[in-house]
Amino acid sequence: MRTAGAGHRVLVVDPPSSRGVVDERYTVDIATGMLMERHQVSSQVASQILRRHAAARRLQVIEVARWLVATRSLL
């Protein structure tokens, strides 16, 4: 809260940061690149592998991508 003249209080809300979205996109891109290298496939096929793996386990793509990047395990 900030005071805005005459003692009136104003709630100031910062806009949501796009940093989280950028970080997630970067993680998915890294995971996709890892799959491309490992399986010698195009980015479209690697993305499809990631999406199918996530769907089969009822996970979000970002969760699978984080796991892949963290463990360096290749699907």
PDB file of N, CA and C in Angstrom:
ATOM      1  N   MET A   1       0.841  -1.177   0.000  1.00  0.00           N
ATOM      2  CA  MET A   1       0.000   0.000   0.000  1.00  0.00           C
ATOM      3  C   MET A   1       0.884   1.237   0.000  1.00  0.00           C
ATOM      4  N   ARG A   2       0.438   2.220  -0.694  1.00  0.00           N
ATOM      5  CA  ARG A   2       1.126   3.504  -0.719  1.00  0.00           C
ATOM      6  C   ARG A   2       0.141   4.581  -0.332  1.00  0.00           C
ATOM      7  N   THR A   3       0.655   5.637   0.219  1.00  0.00           N
ATOM      8  CA  THR A   3      -0.193   6.769   0.559  1.00  0.00           C
ATOM      9  C   THR A   3      -0.211   7.719  -0.620  1.00  0.00           C
ATOM     10  N   ALA A   4      -1.406   8.129  -1.004  1.00  0.00           N
ATOM     11  CA  ALA A   4      -1.554   9.022  -2.145  1.00  0.00           C
ATOM     12  C   ALA A   4      -2.247  10.293  -1.685  1.00  0.00           C
ATOM     13  N   GLY A   5      -1.490  11.220  -1.134  1.00  0.00           N
ATOM     14  CA  GLY A   5      -2.034  12.509  -0.722  1.00  0.00           C
ATOM     15  C   GLY A   5      -3.205  12.398   0.244  1.00  0.00           C
ATOM     16  N   ALA A   6      -3.360  13.313   1.116  1.00  0.00           N
ATOM     17  CA  ALA A   6      -4.460  13.431   2.083  1.00  0.00           C
ATOM     18  C   ALA A   6      -4.698  12.130   2.843  1.00  0.00           C
ATOM     19  N   GLY A   7      -3.669  11.319   2.990  1.00  0.00           N
ATOM     20  CA  GLY A   7      -3.778  10.096   3.769  1.00  0.00           C
ATOM     21  C   GLY A   7      -4.544   8.968   3.107  1.00  0.00           C
ATOM     22  N   HIS A   8      -4.915   9.114   1.843  1.00  0.00           N
ATOM     23  CA  HIS A   8      -5.619   8.035   1.144  1.00  0.00           C
ATOM     24  C   HIS A   8      -4.619   6.934   0.808  1.00  0.00           C
ATOM     25  N   ARG A   9      -5.023   5.714   1.032  1.00  0.00           N
ATOM     26  CA  ARG A   9      -4.144   4.595   0.721  1.00  0.00           C
ATOM     27  C   ARG A   9      -4.554   3.991  -0.623  1.00  0.00           C
ATOM     28  N   VAL A  10      -3.567   3.668  -1.411  1.00  0.00           N
ATOM     29  CA  VAL A  10      -3.797   3.121  -2.745  1.00  0.00           C
ATOM     30  C   VAL A  10      -3.063   1.792  -2.847  1.00  0.00           C
ATOM     31  N   LEU A  11      -3.748   0.778  -3.305  1.00  0.00           N
ATOM     32  CA  LEU A  11      -3.127  -0.519  -3.519  1.00  0.00           C
ATOM     33  C   LEU A  11      -2.449  -0.498  -4.879  1.00  0.00           C
ATOM     34  N   VAL A  12      -1.156  -0.758  -4.886  1.00  0.00           N
ATOM     35  CA  VAL A  12      -0.397  -0.790  -6.130  1.00  0.00           C
ATOM     36  C   VAL A  12      -0.050  -2.241  -6.419  1.00  0.00           C
ATOM     37  N   VAL A  13      -0.461  -2.731  -7.566  1.00  0.00           N
ATOM     38  CA  VAL A  13      -0.199  -4.109  -7.959  1.00  0.00           C
ATOM     39  C   VAL A  13       0.751  -4.086  -9.139  1.00  0.00           C
ATOM     40  N   ASP A  14       1.874  -4.782  -8.973  1.00  0.00           N
ATOM     41  CA  ASP A  14       2.825  -4.872 -10.077  1.00  0.00           C
ATOM     42  C   ASP A  14       2.285  -5.852 -11.115  1.00  0.00           C
ATOM     43  N   PRO A  15       2.503  -5.551 -12.386  1.00  0.00           N
ATOM     44  CA  PRO A  15       2.046  -6.479 -13.424  1.00  0.00           C
ATOM     45  C   PRO A  15       2.794  -7.798 -13.297  1.00  0.00           C
ATOM     46  N   PRO A  16       2.158  -8.895 -13.692  1.00  0.00           N
ATOM     47  CA  PRO A  16       2.843 -10.184 -13.589  1.00  0.00           C
ATOM     48  C   PRO A  16       4.112 -10.180 -14.424  1.00  0.00           C
ATOM     49  N   SER A  17       5.115 -10.810 -13.907  1.00  0.00           N
ATOM     50  CA  SER A  17       6.395 -10.864 -14.598  1.00  0.00           C
ATOM     51  C   SER A  17       6.336 -11.896 -15.714  1.00  0.00           C
ATOM     52  N   SER A  18       6.937 -11.565 -16.817  1.00  0.00           N
ATOM     53  CA  SER A  18       7.018 -12.533 -17.910  1.00  0.00           C
ATOM     54  C   SER A  18       8.263 -13.400 -17.758  1.00  0.00           C
ATOM     55  N   ARG A  19       9.055 -13.124 -16.732  1.00  0.00           N
ATOM     56  CA  ARG A  19      10.289 -13.891 -16.522  1.00  0.00           C
ATOM     57  C   ARG A  19      10.011 -15.383 -16.368  1.00  0.00           C
ATOM     58  N   GLY A  20       8.975 -15.737 -15.618  1.00  0.00           N
ATOM     59  CA  GLY A  20       8.642 -17.144 -15.429  1.00  0.00           C
ATOM     60  C   GLY A  20       8.311 -17.832 -16.739  1.00  0.00           C
ATOM     61  N   VAL A  21       7.581 -17.143 -17.593  1.00  0.00           N
ATOM     62  CA  VAL A  21       7.220 -17.690 -18.896  1.00  0.00           C
ATOM     63  C   VAL A  21       8.465 -17.884 -19.748  1.00  0.00           C
ATOM     64  N   VAL A  22       9.372 -16.924 -19.713  1.00  0.00           N
ATOM     65  CA  VAL A  22      10.612 -17.014 -20.483  1.00  0.00           C
ATOM     66  C   VAL A  22      11.452 -18.178 -19.972  1.00  0.00           C
ATOM     67  N   ASP A  23      11.556 -18.320 -18.647  1.00  0.00           N
ATOM     68  CA  ASP A  23      12.324 -19.420 -18.064  1.00  0.00           C
ATOM     69  C   ASP A  23      11.739 -20.769 -18.460  1.00  0.00           C
ATOM     70  N   GLU A  24      10.418 -20.882 -18.453  1.00  0.00           N
ATOM     71  CA  GLU A  24       9.778 -22.137 -18.836  1.00  0.00           C
ATOM     72  C   GLU A  24      10.029 -22.446 -20.304  1.00  0.00           C
ATOM     73  N   ARG A  25       9.906 -21.448 -21.148  1.00  0.00           N
ATOM     74  CA  ARG A  25      10.146 -21.651 -22.583  1.00  0.00           C
ATOM     75  C   ARG A  25      11.589 -22.093 -22.817  1.00  0.00           C
ATOM     76  N   TYR A  26      12.524 -21.467 -22.094  1.00  0.00           N
ATOM     77  CA  TYR A  26      13.939 -21.818 -22.212  1.00  0.00           C
ATOM     78  C   TYR A  26      14.155 -23.275 -21.798  1.00  0.00           C
ATOM     79  N   THR A  27      13.544 -23.695 -20.703  1.00  0.00           N
ATOM     80  CA  THR A  27      13.681 -25.066 -20.221  1.00  0.00           C
ATOM     81  C   THR A  27      13.140 -26.057 -21.244  1.00  0.00           C
ATOM     82  N   VAL A  28      11.990 -25.757 -21.815  1.00  0.00           N
ATOM     83  CA  VAL A  28      11.403 -26.637 -22.830  1.00  0.00           C
ATOM     84  C   VAL A  28      12.311 -26.685 -24.061  1.00  0.00           C
ATOM     85  N   ASP A  29      12.869 -25.556 -24.453  1.00  0.00           N
ATOM     86  CA  ASP A  29      13.780 -25.524 -25.603  1.00  0.00           C
ATOM     87  C   ASP A  29      15.037 -26.350 -25.351  1.00  0.00           C
ATOM     88  N   ILE A  30      15.588 -26.269 -24.140  1.00  0.00           N
ATOM     89  CA  ILE A  30      16.777 -27.056 -23.796  1.00  0.00           C
ATOM     90  C   ILE A  30      16.444 -28.545 -23.852  1.00  0.00           C
ATOM     91  N   ALA A  31      15.321 -28.927 -23.263  1.00  0.00           N
ATOM     92  CA  ALA A  31      14.905 -30.331 -23.271  1.00  0.00           C
ATOM     93  C   ALA A  31      14.676 -30.821 -24.702  1.00  0.00           C
ATOM     94  N   THR A  32      14.063 -29.993 -25.519  1.00  0.00           N
ATOM     95  CA  THR A  32      13.833 -30.348 -26.920  1.00  0.00           C
ATOM     96  C   THR A  32      15.162 -30.559 -27.635  1.00  0.00           C
ATOM     97  N   GLY A  33      16.112 -29.669 -27.400  1.00  0.00           N
ATOM     98  CA  GLY A  33      17.440 -29.801 -28.001  1.00  0.00           C
ATOM     99  C   GLY A  33      18.149 -31.073 -27.563  1.00  0.00           C
ATOM    100  N   MET A  34      18.002 -31.416 -26.290  1.00  0.00           N
ATOM    101  CA  MET A  34      18.609 -32.656 -25.792  1.00  0.00           C
ATOM    102  C   MET A  34      18.031 -33.867 -26.521  1.00  0.00           C
ATOM    103  N   LEU A  35      16.714 -33.869 -26.701  1.00  0.00           N
ATOM    104  CA  LEU A  35      16.072 -34.977 -27.408  1.00  0.00           C
ATOM    105  C   LEU A  35      16.478 -35.011 -28.879  1.00  0.00           C
ATOM    106  N   MET A  36      16.629 -33.842 -29.489  1.00  0.00           N
ATOM    107  CA  MET A  36      17.065 -33.775 -30.885  1.00  0.00           C
ATOM    108  C   MET A  36      18.434 -34.419 -31.043  1.00  0.00           C
ATOM    109  N   GLU A  37      19.347 -34.086 -30.142  1.00  0.00           N
ATOM    110  CA  GLU A  37      20.706 -34.636 -30.199  1.00  0.00           C
ATOM    111  C   GLU A  37      20.709 -36.139 -29.949  1.00  0.00           C
ATOM    112  N   ARG A  38      19.988 -36.554 -28.926  1.00  0.00           N
ATOM    113  CA  ARG A  38      19.993 -37.968 -28.526  1.00  0.00           C
ATOM    114  C   ARG A  38      19.379 -38.859 -29.594  1.00  0.00           C
ATOM    115  N   HIS A  39      18.260 -38.427 -30.149  1.00  0.00           N
ATOM    116  CA  HIS A  39      17.519 -39.270 -31.084  1.00  0.00           C
ATOM    117  C   HIS A  39      17.728 -38.888 -32.548  1.00  0.00           C
ATOM    118  N   GLN A  40      18.533 -37.838 -32.787  1.00  0.00           N
ATOM    119  CA  GLN A  40      18.797 -37.379 -34.154  1.00  0.00           C
ATOM    120  C   GLN A  40      17.490 -37.132 -34.920  1.00  0.00           C
ATOM    121  N   VAL A  41      16.637 -36.305 -34.313  1.00  0.00           N
ATOM    122  CA  VAL A  41      15.347 -35.977 -34.920  1.00  0.00           C
ATOM    123  C   VAL A  41      15.213 -34.460 -35.031  1.00  0.00           C
ATOM    124  N   SER A  42      14.201 -34.037 -35.756  1.00  0.00           N
ATOM    125  CA  SER A  42      13.937 -32.602 -35.915  1.00  0.00           C
ATOM    126  C   SER A  42      13.344 -32.031 -34.630  1.00  0.00           C
ATOM    127  N   SER A  43      13.281 -30.715 -34.560  1.00  0.00           N
ATOM    128  CA  SER A  43      12.709 -30.067 -33.378  1.00  0.00           C
ATOM    129  C   SER A  43      11.220 -30.396 -33.238  1.00  0.00           C
ATOM    130  N   GLN A  44      10.531 -30.536 -34.367  1.00  0.00           N
ATOM    131  CA  GLN A  44       9.113 -30.876 -34.308  1.00  0.00           C
ATOM    132  C   GLN A  44       8.908 -32.264 -33.705  1.00  0.00           C
ATOM    133  N   VAL A  45       9.732 -33.218 -34.109  1.00  0.00           N
ATOM    134  CA  VAL A  45       9.616 -34.582 -33.585  1.00  0.00           C
ATOM    135  C   VAL A  45      10.002 -34.612 -32.111  1.00  0.00           C
ATOM    136  N   ALA A  46      11.060 -33.893 -31.745  1.00  0.00           N
ATOM    137  CA  ALA A  46      11.482 -33.841 -30.340  1.00  0.00           C
ATOM    138  C   ALA A  46      10.391 -33.221 -29.470  1.00  0.00           C
ATOM    139  N   SER A  47       9.749 -32.173 -29.954  1.00  0.00           N
ATOM    140  CA  SER A  47       8.647 -31.546 -29.213  1.00  0.00           C
ATOM    141  C   SER A  47       7.485 -32.515 -29.062  1.00  0.00           C
ATOM    142  N   GLN A  48       7.237 -33.268 -30.101  1.00  0.00           N
ATOM    143  CA  GLN A  48       6.163 -34.258 -30.063  1.00  0.00           C
ATOM    144  C   GLN A  48       6.477 -35.355 -29.035  1.00  0.00           C
ATOM    145  N   ILE A  49       7.724 -35.800 -28.970  1.00  0.00           N
ATOM    146  CA  ILE A  49       8.140 -36.794 -27.972  1.00  0.00           C
ATOM    147  C   ILE A  49       7.874 -36.254 -26.576  1.00  0.00           C
ATOM    148  N   LEU A  50       8.267 -35.015 -26.357  1.00  0.00           N
ATOM    149  CA  LEU A  50       8.085 -34.376 -25.048  1.00  0.00           C
ATOM    150  C   LEU A  50       6.595 -34.298 -24.682  1.00  0.00           C
ATOM    151  N   ARG A  51       5.775 -33.848 -25.630  1.00  0.00           N
ATOM    152  CA  ARG A  51       4.334 -33.728 -25.384  1.00  0.00           C
ATOM    153  C   ARG A  51       3.682 -35.083 -25.125  1.00  0.00           C
ATOM    154  N   ARG A  52       4.048 -36.086 -25.913  1.00  0.00           N
ATOM    155  CA  ARG A  52       3.461 -37.423 -25.734  1.00  0.00           C
ATOM    156  C   ARG A  52       3.867 -38.035 -24.399  1.00  0.00           C
ATOM    157  N   HIS A  53       5.122 -37.849 -24.027  1.00  0.00           N
ATOM    158  CA  HIS A  53       5.604 -38.373 -22.748  1.00  0.00           C
ATOM    159  C   HIS A  53       4.832 -37.722 -21.597  1.00  0.00           C
ATOM    160  N   ALA A  54       4.633 -36.423 -21.700  1.00  0.00           N
ATOM    161  CA  ALA A  54       3.886 -35.701 -20.664  1.00  0.00           C
ATOM    162  C   ALA A  54       2.429 -36.174 -20.614  1.00  0.00           C
ATOM    163  N   ALA A  55       1.804 -36.297 -21.758  1.00  0.00           N
ATOM    164  CA  ALA A  55       0.398 -36.708 -21.811  1.00  0.00           C
ATOM    165  C   ALA A  55       0.209 -38.121 -21.267  1.00  0.00           C
ATOM    166  N   ALA A  56       1.132 -39.013 -21.584  1.00  0.00           N
ATOM    167  CA  ALA A  56       1.025 -40.401 -21.126  1.00  0.00           C
ATOM    168  C   ALA A  56       1.106 -40.504 -19.605  1.00  0.00           C
ATOM    169  N   ARG A  57       1.778 -39.552 -18.991  1.00  0.00           N
ATOM    170  CA  ARG A  57       1.948 -39.564 -17.534  1.00  0.00           C
ATOM    171  C   ARG A  57       1.080 -38.527 -16.825  1.00  0.00           C
ATOM    172  N   ARG A  58       0.224 -37.882 -17.604  1.00  0.00           N
ATOM    173  CA  ARG A  58      -0.661 -36.830 -17.086  1.00  0.00           C
ATOM    174  C   ARG A  58       0.128 -35.731 -16.375  1.00  0.00           C
ATOM    175  N   LEU A  59       1.198 -35.312 -17.015  1.00  0.00           N
ATOM    176  CA  LEU A  59       2.039 -34.228 -16.509  1.00  0.00           C
ATOM    177  C   LEU A  59       2.001 -33.078 -17.498  1.00  0.00           C
ATOM    178  N   GLN A  60       2.425 -31.913 -17.037  1.00  0.00           N
ATOM    179  CA  GLN A  60       2.580 -30.785 -17.947  1.00  0.00           C
ATOM    180  C   GLN A  60       3.925 -30.932 -18.654  1.00  0.00           C
ATOM    181  N   VAL A  61       4.007 -30.408 -19.859  1.00  0.00           N
ATOM    182  CA  VAL A  61       5.248 -30.483 -20.630  1.00  0.00           C
ATOM    183  C   VAL A  61       6.402 -29.867 -19.843  1.00  0.00           C
ATOM    184  N   ILE A  62       6.156 -28.759 -19.150  1.00  0.00           N
ATOM    185  CA  ILE A  62       7.226 -28.099 -18.402  1.00  0.00           C
ATOM    186  C   ILE A  62       7.758 -29.008 -17.297  1.00  0.00           C
ATOM    187  N   GLU A  63       6.899 -29.817 -16.695  1.00  0.00           N
ATOM    188  CA  GLU A  63       7.353 -30.737 -15.649  1.00  0.00           C
ATOM    189  C   GLU A  63       8.303 -31.786 -16.221  1.00  0.00           C
ATOM    190  N   VAL A  64       7.958 -32.334 -17.379  1.00  0.00           N
ATOM    191  CA  VAL A  64       8.815 -33.325 -18.026  1.00  0.00           C
ATOM    192  C   VAL A  64      10.116 -32.668 -18.473  1.00  0.00           C
ATOM    193  N   ALA A  65      10.019 -31.462 -19.019  1.00  0.00           N
ATOM    194  CA  ALA A  65      11.212 -30.743 -19.469  1.00  0.00           C
ATOM    195  C   ALA A  65      12.154 -30.458 -18.304  1.00  0.00           C
ATOM    196  N   ARG A  66      11.606 -30.014 -17.171  1.00  0.00           N
ATOM    197  CA  ARG A  66      12.446 -29.754 -15.991  1.00  0.00           C
ATOM    198  C   ARG A  66      13.148 -31.022 -15.530  1.00  0.00           C
ATOM    199  N   TRP A  67      12.403 -32.124 -15.497  1.00  0.00           N
ATOM    200  CA  TRP A  67      12.976 -33.408 -15.087  1.00  0.00           C
ATOM    201  C   TRP A  67      14.093 -33.816 -16.038  1.00  0.00           C
ATOM    202  N   LEU A  68      13.842 -33.682 -17.326  1.00  0.00           N
ATOM    203  CA  LEU A  68      14.820 -34.061 -18.340  1.00  0.00           C
ATOM    204  C   LEU A  68      16.105 -33.248 -18.204  1.00  0.00           C
ATOM    205  N   VAL A  69      15.965 -31.944 -18.052  1.00  0.00           N
ATOM    206  CA  VAL A  69      17.129 -31.064 -17.921  1.00  0.00           C
ATOM    207  C   VAL A  69      17.868 -31.335 -16.611  1.00  0.00           C
ATOM    208  N   ALA A  70      17.135 -31.549 -15.534  1.00  0.00           N
ATOM    209  CA  ALA A  70      17.755 -31.759 -14.221  1.00  0.00           C
ATOM    210  C   ALA A  70      18.495 -33.085 -14.128  1.00  0.00           C
ATOM    211  N   THR A  71      17.931 -34.126 -14.712  1.00  0.00           N
ATOM    212  CA  THR A  71      18.521 -35.462 -14.564  1.00  0.00           C
ATOM    213  C   THR A  71      19.394 -35.862 -15.740  1.00  0.00           C
ATOM    214  N   ARG A  72      19.274 -35.143 -16.819  1.00  0.00           N
ATOM    215  CA  ARG A  72      19.981 -35.478 -18.058  1.00  0.00           C
ATOM    216  C   ARG A  72      19.601 -36.862 -18.567  1.00  0.00           C
ATOM    217  N   SER A  73      18.466 -37.365 -18.082  1.00  0.00           N
ATOM    218  CA  SER A  73      17.942 -38.637 -18.576  1.00  0.00           C
ATOM    219  C   SER A  73      17.289 -38.364 -19.919  1.00  0.00           C
ATOM    220  N   LEU A  74      17.473 -39.254 -20.824  1.00  0.00           N
ATOM    221  CA  LEU A  74      16.889 -39.044 -22.145  1.00  0.00           C
ATOM    222  C   LEU A  74      15.801 -40.067 -22.375  1.00  0.00           C
ATOM    223  N   LEU A  75      14.632 -39.582 -22.715  1.00  0.00           N
ATOM    224  CA  LEU A  75      13.443 -40.429 -22.873  1.00  0.00           C
ATOM    225  C   LEU A  75      13.673 -41.552 -23.853  1.00  0.00           C
TER     226      LEU A  75
END
